[in-house]
Amino acid sequence: MFQKSLIAAVVAAGLCVSSLAWAETVYVTKNGKKFHKAACELVKKSTLTELDEVNAKEQGYEPCKKCFKAEKTAEEQAAESGK
């Protein structure tokens, strides 16, 4: 029983680490509430802090609507189609 629990814990930890490894690098400004891609026109490069997307979301940042416009959630798409 202990071995099965240990194996399950190791697999779960591996999945968490692998998902973080694939997280996209994003950028936040000092006073902003959004995270951006490196090429976003709305941010100045000299004032950016680099994070991975998972950490940015955990810290309360939301995706920039301009540089993440193709990655809208199903709820956002449904809301727009109802206009």
PDB file of N, CA and C in Angstrom:
ATOM      1  N   MET A   1       0.826  -1.198   0.000  1.00  0.00           N
ATOM      2  CA  MET A   1       0.000   0.000   0.000  1.00  0.00           C
ATOM      3  C   MET A   1       0.868   1.258   0.000  1.00  0.00           C
ATOM      4  N   PHE A   2       1.929   1.256   0.819  1.00  0.00           N
ATOM      5  CA  PHE A   2       2.811   2.412   0.892  1.00  0.00           C
ATOM      6  C   PHE A   2       3.482   2.669  -0.453  1.00  0.00           C
ATOM      7  N   GLN A   3       3.890   1.588  -1.145  1.00  0.00           N
ATOM      8  CA  GLN A   3       4.554   1.754  -2.438  1.00  0.00           C
ATOM      9  C   GLN A   3       3.619   2.399  -3.458  1.00  0.00           C
ATOM     10  N   LYS A   4       2.353   2.008  -3.473  1.00  0.00           N
ATOM     11  CA  LYS A   4       1.394   2.591  -4.415  1.00  0.00           C
ATOM     12  C   LYS A   4       1.203   4.081  -4.134  1.00  0.00           C
ATOM     13  N   SER A   5       1.136   4.430  -2.859  1.00  0.00           N
ATOM     14  CA  SER A   5       0.980   5.841  -2.489  1.00  0.00           C
ATOM     15  C   SER A   5       2.212   6.645  -2.887  1.00  0.00           C
ATOM     16  N   LEU A   6       3.379   6.058  -2.665  1.00  0.00           N
ATOM     17  CA  LEU A   6       4.621   6.727  -3.017  1.00  0.00           C
ATOM     18  C   LEU A   6       4.728   6.919  -4.526  1.00  0.00           C
ATOM     19  N   ILE A   7       4.370   5.904  -5.276  1.00  0.00           N
ATOM     20  CA  ILE A   7       4.424   5.999  -6.735  1.00  0.00           C
ATOM     21  C   ILE A   7       3.451   7.061  -7.230  1.00  0.00           C
ATOM     22  N   ALA A   8       2.250   7.070  -6.664  1.00  0.00           N
ATOM     23  CA  ALA A   8       1.253   8.074  -7.056  1.00  0.00           C
ATOM     24  C   ALA A   8       1.755   9.483  -6.763  1.00  0.00           C
ATOM     25  N   ALA A   9       2.405   9.667  -5.626  1.00  0.00           N
ATOM     26  CA  ALA A   9       2.928  10.989  -5.261  1.00  0.00           C
ATOM     27  C   ALA A   9       4.038  11.420  -6.214  1.00  0.00           C
ATOM     28  N   VAL A  10       4.901  10.499  -6.574  1.00  0.00           N
ATOM     29  CA  VAL A  10       5.997  10.819  -7.494  1.00  0.00           C
ATOM     30  C   VAL A  10       5.446  11.179  -8.874  1.00  0.00           C
ATOM     31  N   VAL A  11       4.465  10.427  -9.347  1.00  0.00           N
ATOM     32  CA  VAL A  11       3.859  10.722 -10.652  1.00  0.00           C
ATOM     33  C   VAL A  11       3.175  12.083 -10.629  1.00  0.00           C
ATOM     34  N   ALA A  12       2.429  12.364  -9.572  1.00  0.00           N
ATOM     35  CA  ALA A  12       1.746  13.659  -9.460  1.00  0.00           C
ATOM     36  C   ALA A  12       2.747  14.806  -9.434  1.00  0.00           C
ATOM     37  N   ALA A  13       3.823  14.642  -8.695  1.00  0.00           N
ATOM     38  CA  ALA A  13       4.848  15.685  -8.634  1.00  0.00           C
ATOM     39  C   ALA A  13       5.485  15.886 -10.003  1.00  0.00           C
ATOM     40  N   GLY A  14       5.718  14.810 -10.712  1.00  0.00           N
ATOM     41  CA  GLY A  14       6.287  14.909 -12.060  1.00  0.00           C
ATOM     42  C   GLY A  14       5.375  15.642 -13.008  1.00  0.00           C
ATOM     43  N   LEU A  15       4.081  15.404 -12.909  1.00  0.00           N
ATOM     44  CA  LEU A  15       3.130  16.107 -13.769  1.00  0.00           C
ATOM     45  C   LEU A  15       3.111  17.594 -13.466  1.00  0.00           C
ATOM     46  N   CYS A  16       3.185  17.950 -12.194  1.00  0.00           N
ATOM     47  CA  CYS A  16       3.204  19.369 -11.823  1.00  0.00           C
ATOM     48  C   CYS A  16       4.445  20.049 -12.374  1.00  0.00           C
ATOM     49  N   VAL A  17       5.587  19.417 -12.224  1.00  0.00           N
ATOM     50  CA  VAL A  17       6.836  19.999 -12.702  1.00  0.00           C
ATOM     51  C   VAL A  17       6.829  20.103 -14.216  1.00  0.00           C
ATOM     52  N   SER A  18       6.322  19.069 -14.900  1.00  0.00           N
ATOM     53  CA  SER A  18       6.320  19.116 -16.359  1.00  0.00           C
ATOM     54  C   SER A  18       5.378  20.185 -16.878  1.00  0.00           C
ATOM     55  N   SER A  19       4.264  20.432 -16.192  1.00  0.00           N
ATOM     56  CA  SER A  19       3.355  21.483 -16.657  1.00  0.00           C
ATOM     57  C   SER A  19       3.988  22.853 -16.466  1.00  0.00           C
ATOM     58  N   LEU A  20       4.778  23.034 -15.414  1.00  0.00           N
ATOM     59  CA  LEU A  20       5.472  24.306 -15.218  1.00  0.00           C
ATOM     60  C   LEU A  20       6.552  24.499 -16.263  1.00  0.00           C
ATOM     61  N   ALA A  21       7.176  23.421 -16.693  1.00  0.00           N
ATOM     62  CA  ALA A  21       8.239  23.522 -17.693  1.00  0.00           C
ATOM     63  C   ALA A  21       7.697  24.023 -19.025  1.00  0.00           C
ATOM     64  N   TRP A  22       6.440  23.771 -19.292  1.00  0.00           N
ATOM     65  CA  TRP A  22       5.841  24.181 -20.563  1.00  0.00           C
ATOM     66  C   TRP A  22       5.130  25.523 -20.464  1.00  0.00           C
ATOM     67  N   ALA A  23       5.103  26.124 -19.293  1.00  0.00           N
ATOM     68  CA  ALA A  23       4.425  27.408 -19.127  1.00  0.00           C
ATOM     69  C   ALA A  23       5.166  28.483 -19.921  1.00  0.00           C
ATOM     70  N   GLU A  24       4.402  29.294 -20.595  1.00  0.00           N
ATOM     71  CA  GLU A  24       4.974  30.363 -21.415  1.00  0.00           C
ATOM     72  C   GLU A  24       5.530  31.478 -20.542  1.00  0.00           C
ATOM     73  N   THR A  25       6.635  32.047 -20.953  1.00  0.00           N
ATOM     74  CA  THR A  25       7.191  33.208 -20.264  1.00  0.00           C
ATOM     75  C   THR A  25       6.361  34.419 -20.652  1.00  0.00           C
ATOM     76  N   VAL A  26       5.930  35.168 -19.652  1.00  0.00           N
ATOM     77  CA  VAL A  26       5.140  36.374 -19.872  1.00  0.00           C
ATOM     78  C   VAL A  26       5.792  37.517 -19.108  1.00  0.00           C
ATOM     79  N   TYR A  27       5.288  38.722 -19.321  1.00  0.00           N
ATOM     80  CA  TYR A  27       5.897  39.914 -18.742  1.00  0.00           C
ATOM     81  C   TYR A  27       4.829  40.790 -18.106  1.00  0.00           C
ATOM     82  N   VAL A  28       5.165  41.361 -16.956  1.00  0.00           N
ATOM     83  CA  VAL A  28       4.248  42.264 -16.267  1.00  0.00           C
ATOM     84  C   VAL A  28       4.964  43.582 -16.019  1.00  0.00           C
ATOM     85  N   THR A  29       4.182  44.646 -15.931  1.00  0.00           N
ATOM     86  CA  THR A  29       4.744  45.956 -15.619  1.00  0.00           C
ATOM     87  C   THR A  29       4.630  46.193 -14.117  1.00  0.00           C
ATOM     88  N   LYS A  30       5.296  47.209 -13.648  1.00  0.00           N
ATOM     89  CA  LYS A  30       5.335  47.499 -12.213  1.00  0.00           C
ATOM     90  C   LYS A  30       3.944  47.727 -11.629  1.00  0.00           C
ATOM     91  N   ASN A  31       3.110  48.470 -12.325  1.00  0.00           N
ATOM     92  CA  ASN A  31       1.796  48.823 -11.785  1.00  0.00           C
ATOM     93  C   ASN A  31       0.625  48.184 -12.530  1.00  0.00           C
ATOM     94  N   GLY A  32       0.905  47.363 -13.538  1.00  0.00           N
ATOM     95  CA  GLY A  32      -0.163  46.789 -14.341  1.00  0.00           C
ATOM     96  C   GLY A  32      -0.858  45.612 -13.692  1.00  0.00           C
ATOM     97  N   LYS A  33      -1.995  45.231 -14.261  1.00  0.00           N
ATOM     98  CA  LYS A  33      -2.788  44.107 -13.774  1.00  0.00           C
ATOM     99  C   LYS A  33      -2.844  42.977 -14.804  1.00  0.00           C
ATOM    100  N   LYS A  34      -2.164  43.173 -15.939  1.00  0.00           N
ATOM    101  CA  LYS A  34      -2.195  42.202 -17.038  1.00  0.00           C
ATOM    102  C   LYS A  34      -0.802  41.645 -17.268  1.00  0.00           C
ATOM    103  N   PHE A  35      -0.762  40.440 -17.858  1.00  0.00           N
ATOM    104  CA  PHE A  35       0.528  39.919 -18.316  1.00  0.00           C
ATOM    105  C   PHE A  35       0.539  39.912 -19.829  1.00  0.00           C
ATOM    106  N   HIS A  36       1.727  40.048 -20.401  1.00  0.00           N
ATOM    107  CA  HIS A  36       1.900  40.271 -21.825  1.00  0.00           C
ATOM    108  C   HIS A  36       2.924  39.318 -22.422  1.00  0.00           C
ATOM    109  N   LYS A  37       2.819  39.132 -23.732  1.00  0.00           N
ATOM    110  CA  LYS A  37       3.860  38.422 -24.472  1.00  0.00           C
ATOM    111  C   LYS A  37       4.992  39.411 -24.742  1.00  0.00           C
ATOM    112  N   ALA A  38       6.160  38.890 -25.052  1.00  0.00           N
ATOM    113  CA  ALA A  38       7.338  39.742 -25.251  1.00  0.00           C
ATOM    114  C   ALA A  38       7.136  40.775 -26.352  1.00  0.00           C
ATOM    115  N   ALA A  39       6.392  40.433 -27.392  1.00  0.00           N
ATOM    116  CA  ALA A  39       6.238  41.327 -28.534  1.00  0.00           C
ATOM    117  C   ALA A  39       5.043  42.272 -28.417  1.00  0.00           C
ATOM    118  N   CYS A  40       4.373  42.292 -27.293  1.00  0.00           N
ATOM    119  CA  CYS A  40       3.179  43.136 -27.150  1.00  0.00           C
ATOM    120  C   CYS A  40       3.535  44.610 -27.299  1.00  0.00           C
ATOM    121  N   GLU A  41       2.722  45.323 -28.063  1.00  0.00           N
ATOM    122  CA  GLU A  41       2.943  46.745 -28.328  1.00  0.00           C
ATOM    123  C   GLU A  41       2.583  47.631 -27.125  1.00  0.00           C
ATOM    124  N   LEU A  42       1.862  47.066 -26.161  1.00  0.00           N
ATOM    125  CA  LEU A  42       1.347  47.888 -25.067  1.00  0.00           C
ATOM    126  C   LEU A  42       2.306  48.054 -23.887  1.00  0.00           C
ATOM    127  N   VAL A  43       3.448  47.423 -23.931  1.00  0.00           N
ATOM    128  CA  VAL A  43       4.367  47.514 -22.792  1.00  0.00           C
ATOM    129  C   VAL A  43       5.726  48.044 -23.218  1.00  0.00           C
ATOM    130  N   LYS A  44       6.390  48.678 -22.303  1.00  0.00           N
ATOM    131  CA  LYS A  44       7.746  49.168 -22.537  1.00  0.00           C
ATOM    132  C   LYS A  44       8.713  48.129 -21.993  1.00  0.00           C
ATOM    133  N   LYS A  45       9.647  47.708 -22.787  1.00  0.00           N
ATOM    134  CA  LYS A  45      10.572  46.636 -22.416  1.00  0.00           C
ATOM    135  C   LYS A  45      11.371  46.931 -21.147  1.00  0.00           C
ATOM    136  N   SER A  46      11.716  48.173 -20.900  1.00  0.00           N
ATOM    137  CA  SER A  46      12.593  48.495 -19.776  1.00  0.00           C
ATOM    138  C   SER A  46      11.909  48.372 -18.416  1.00  0.00           C
ATOM    139  N   THR A  47      10.601  48.290 -18.369  1.00  0.00           N
ATOM    140  CA  THR A  47       9.897  48.250 -17.087  1.00  0.00           C
ATOM    141  C   THR A  47       9.252  46.892 -16.813  1.00  0.00           C
ATOM    142  N   LEU A  48       9.679  45.844 -17.493  1.00  0.00           N
ATOM    143  CA  LEU A  48       9.015  44.555 -17.382  1.00  0.00           C
ATOM    144  C   LEU A  48       9.673  43.623 -16.378  1.00  0.00           C
ATOM    145  N   THR A  49       8.839  42.807 -15.755  1.00  0.00           N
ATOM    146  CA  THR A  49       9.296  41.712 -14.909  1.00  0.00           C
ATOM    147  C   THR A  49       8.873  40.423 -15.582  1.00  0.00           C
ATOM    148  N   GLU A  50       9.793  39.478 -15.674  1.00  0.00           N
ATOM    149  CA  GLU A  50       9.529  38.206 -16.350  1.00  0.00           C
ATOM    150  C   GLU A  50       8.951  37.193 -15.355  1.00  0.00           C
ATOM    151  N   LEU A  51       7.885  36.520 -15.759  1.00  0.00           N
ATOM    152  CA  LEU A  51       7.251  35.448 -14.977  1.00  0.00           C
ATOM    153  C   LEU A  51       6.854  34.342 -15.936  1.00  0.00           C
ATOM    154  N   ASP A  52       6.535  33.168 -15.403  1.00  0.00           N
ATOM    155  CA  ASP A  52       5.885  32.203 -16.272  1.00  0.00           C
ATOM    156  C   ASP A  52       4.375  32.405 -16.119  1.00  0.00           C
ATOM    157  N   GLU A  53       3.632  31.990 -17.110  1.00  0.00           N
ATOM    158  CA  GLU A  53       2.199  32.282 -17.157  1.00  0.00           C
ATOM    159  C   GLU A  53       1.459  31.719 -15.943  1.00  0.00           C
ATOM    160  N   VAL A  54       1.841  30.552 -15.472  1.00  0.00           N
ATOM    161  CA  VAL A  54       1.184  29.947 -14.310  1.00  0.00           C
ATOM    162  C   VAL A  54       1.347  30.837 -13.085  1.00  0.00           C
ATOM    163  N   ASN A  55       2.570  31.294 -12.826  1.00  0.00           N
ATOM    164  CA  ASN A  55       2.808  32.172 -11.673  1.00  0.00           C
ATOM    165  C   ASN A  55       2.105  33.512 -11.827  1.00  0.00           C
ATOM    166  N   ALA A  56       2.062  34.030 -13.036  1.00  0.00           N
ATOM    167  CA  ALA A  56       1.372  35.299 -13.263  1.00  0.00           C
ATOM    168  C   ALA A  56      -0.107  35.178 -12.894  1.00  0.00           C
ATOM    169  N   LYS A  57      -0.733  34.089 -13.317  1.00  0.00           N
ATOM    170  CA  LYS A  57      -2.147  33.872 -12.989  1.00  0.00           C
ATOM    171  C   LYS A  57      -2.341  33.681 -11.489  1.00  0.00           C
ATOM    172  N   GLU A  58      -1.427  32.936 -10.855  1.00  0.00           N
ATOM    173  CA  GLU A  58      -1.512  32.722  -9.406  1.00  0.00           C
ATOM    174  C   GLU A  58      -1.378  34.026  -8.638  1.00  0.00           C
ATOM    175  N   GLN A  59      -0.639  34.985  -9.188  1.00  0.00           N
ATOM    176  CA  GLN A  59      -0.451  36.280  -8.535  1.00  0.00           C
ATOM    177  C   GLN A  59      -1.563  37.265  -8.876  1.00  0.00           C
ATOM    178  N   GLY A  60      -2.563  36.819  -9.616  1.00  0.00           N
ATOM    179  CA  GLY A  60      -3.726  37.660  -9.894  1.00  0.00           C
ATOM    180  C   GLY A  60      -3.686  38.439 -11.194  1.00  0.00           C
ATOM    181  N   TYR A  61      -2.650  38.257 -11.996  1.00  0.00           N
ATOM    182  CA  TYR A  61      -2.590  38.940 -13.284  1.00  0.00           C
ATOM    183  C   TYR A  61      -3.512  38.247 -14.280  1.00  0.00           C
ATOM    184  N   GLU A  62      -4.036  39.010 -15.219  1.00  0.00           N
ATOM    185  CA  GLU A  62      -4.887  38.486 -16.285  1.00  0.00           C
ATOM    186  C   GLU A  62      -4.182  38.683 -17.616  1.00  0.00           C
ATOM    187  N   PRO A  63      -4.522  37.869 -18.628  1.00  0.00           N
ATOM    188  CA  PRO A  63      -3.867  38.031 -19.929  1.00  0.00           C
ATOM    189  C   PRO A  63      -4.269  39.331 -20.614  1.00  0.00           C
ATOM    190  N   CYS A  64      -3.319  39.963 -21.255  1.00  0.00           N
ATOM    191  CA  CYS A  64      -3.579  41.159 -22.059  1.00  0.00           C
ATOM    192  C   CYS A  64      -4.520  40.783 -23.197  1.00  0.00           C
ATOM    193  N   LYS A  65      -5.548  41.581 -23.406  1.00  0.00           N
ATOM    194  CA  LYS A  65      -6.518  41.274 -24.461  1.00  0.00           C
ATOM    195  C   LYS A  65      -5.930  41.452 -25.852  1.00  0.00           C
ATOM    196  N   LYS A  66      -4.909  42.274 -25.969  1.00  0.00           N
ATOM    197  CA  LYS A  66      -4.321  42.501 -27.287  1.00  0.00           C
ATOM    198  C   LYS A  66      -3.396  41.349 -27.698  1.00  0.00           C
ATOM    199  N   CYS A  67      -2.466  40.977 -26.834  1.00  0.00           N
ATOM    200  CA  CYS A  67      -1.497  39.961 -27.250  1.00  0.00           C
ATOM    201  C   CYS A  67      -1.961  38.529 -26.999  1.00  0.00           C
ATOM    202  N   PHE A  68      -3.031  38.335 -26.251  1.00  0.00           N
ATOM    203  CA  PHE A  68      -3.581  36.993 -26.045  1.00  0.00           C
ATOM    204  C   PHE A  68      -4.980  36.870 -26.652  1.00  0.00           C
ATOM    205  N   LYS A  69      -5.297  37.709 -27.633  1.00  0.00           N
ATOM    206  CA  LYS A  69      -6.655  37.732 -28.181  1.00  0.00           C
ATOM    207  C   LYS A  69      -7.071  36.420 -28.834  1.00  0.00           C
ATOM    208  N   ALA A  70      -6.154  35.658 -29.373  1.00  0.00           N
ATOM    209  CA  ALA A  70      -6.486  34.391 -30.016  1.00  0.00           C
ATOM    210  C   ALA A  70      -6.727  33.285 -28.999  1.00  0.00           C
ATOM    211  N   GLU A  71      -6.436  33.542 -27.737  1.00  0.00           N
ATOM    212  CA  GLU A  71      -6.535  32.518 -26.709  1.00  0.00           C
ATOM    213  C   GLU A  71      -7.674  32.804 -25.732  1.00  0.00           C
ATOM    214  N   LYS A  72      -8.798  33.257 -26.224  1.00  0.00           N
ATOM    215  CA  LYS A  72      -9.932  33.568 -25.371  1.00  0.00           C
ATOM    216  C   LYS A  72     -10.553  32.287 -24.829  1.00  0.00           C
ATOM    217  N   THR A  73     -11.129  32.408 -23.647  1.00  0.00           N
ATOM    218  CA  THR A  73     -11.788  31.256 -23.044  1.00  0.00           C
ATOM    219  C   THR A  73     -13.125  31.018 -23.728  1.00  0.00           C
ATOM    220  N   ALA A  74     -13.690  29.853 -23.514  1.00  0.00           N
ATOM    221  CA  ALA A  74     -14.993  29.522 -24.084  1.00  0.00           C
ATOM    222  C   ALA A  74     -16.059  30.489 -23.574  1.00  0.00           C
ATOM    223  N   GLU A  75     -15.957  30.905 -22.308  1.00  0.00           N
ATOM    224  CA  GLU A  75     -16.920  31.858 -21.740  1.00  0.00           C
ATOM    225  C   GLU A  75     -16.831  33.204 -22.445  1.00  0.00           C
ATOM    226  N   GLU A  76     -15.615  33.676 -22.704  1.00  0.00           N
ATOM    227  CA  GLU A  76     -15.438  34.951 -23.393  1.00  0.00           C
ATOM    228  C   GLU A  76     -15.995  34.877 -24.810  1.00  0.00           C
ATOM    229  N   GLN A  77     -15.741  33.762 -25.493  1.00  0.00           N
ATOM    230  CA  GLN A  77     -16.249  33.601 -26.863  1.00  0.00           C
ATOM    231  C   GLN A  77     -17.773  33.558 -26.878  1.00  0.00           C
ATOM    232  N   ALA A  78     -18.370  32.871 -25.913  1.00  0.00           N
ATOM    233  CA  ALA A  78     -19.830  32.791 -25.839  1.00  0.00           C
ATOM    234  C   ALA A  78     -20.435  34.158 -25.559  1.00  0.00           C
ATOM    235  N   ALA A  79     -19.792  34.943 -24.675  1.00  0.00           N
ATOM    236  CA  ALA A  79     -20.285  36.270 -24.342  1.00  0.00           C
ATOM    237  C   ALA A  79     -20.239  37.185 -25.548  1.00  0.00           C
ATOM    238  N   GLU A  80     -19.180  37.085 -26.338  1.00  0.00           N
ATOM    239  CA  GLU A  80     -19.050  37.929 -27.534  1.00  0.00           C
ATOM    240  C   GLU A  80     -20.061  37.532 -28.599  1.00  0.00           C
ATOM    241  N   SER A  81     -20.335  36.249 -28.744  1.00  0.00           N
ATOM    242  CA  SER A  81     -21.268  35.805 -29.791  1.00  0.00           C
ATOM    243  C   SER A  81     -22.702  36.172 -29.432  1.00  0.00           C
ATOM    244  N   GLY A  82     -22.960  36.439 -28.141  1.00  0.00           N
ATOM    245  CA  GLY A  82     -24.289  36.830 -27.705  1.00  0.00           C
ATOM    246  C   GLY A  82     -24.582  38.298 -27.872  1.00  0.00           C
ATOM    247  N   LYS A  83     -23.614  39.093 -28.329  1.00  0.00           N
ATOM    248  CA  LYS A  83     -23.799  40.545 -28.482  1.00  0.00           C
ATOM    249  C   LYS A  83     -24.655  40.866 -29.663  1.00  0.00           C
TER     250      LYS A  83
END
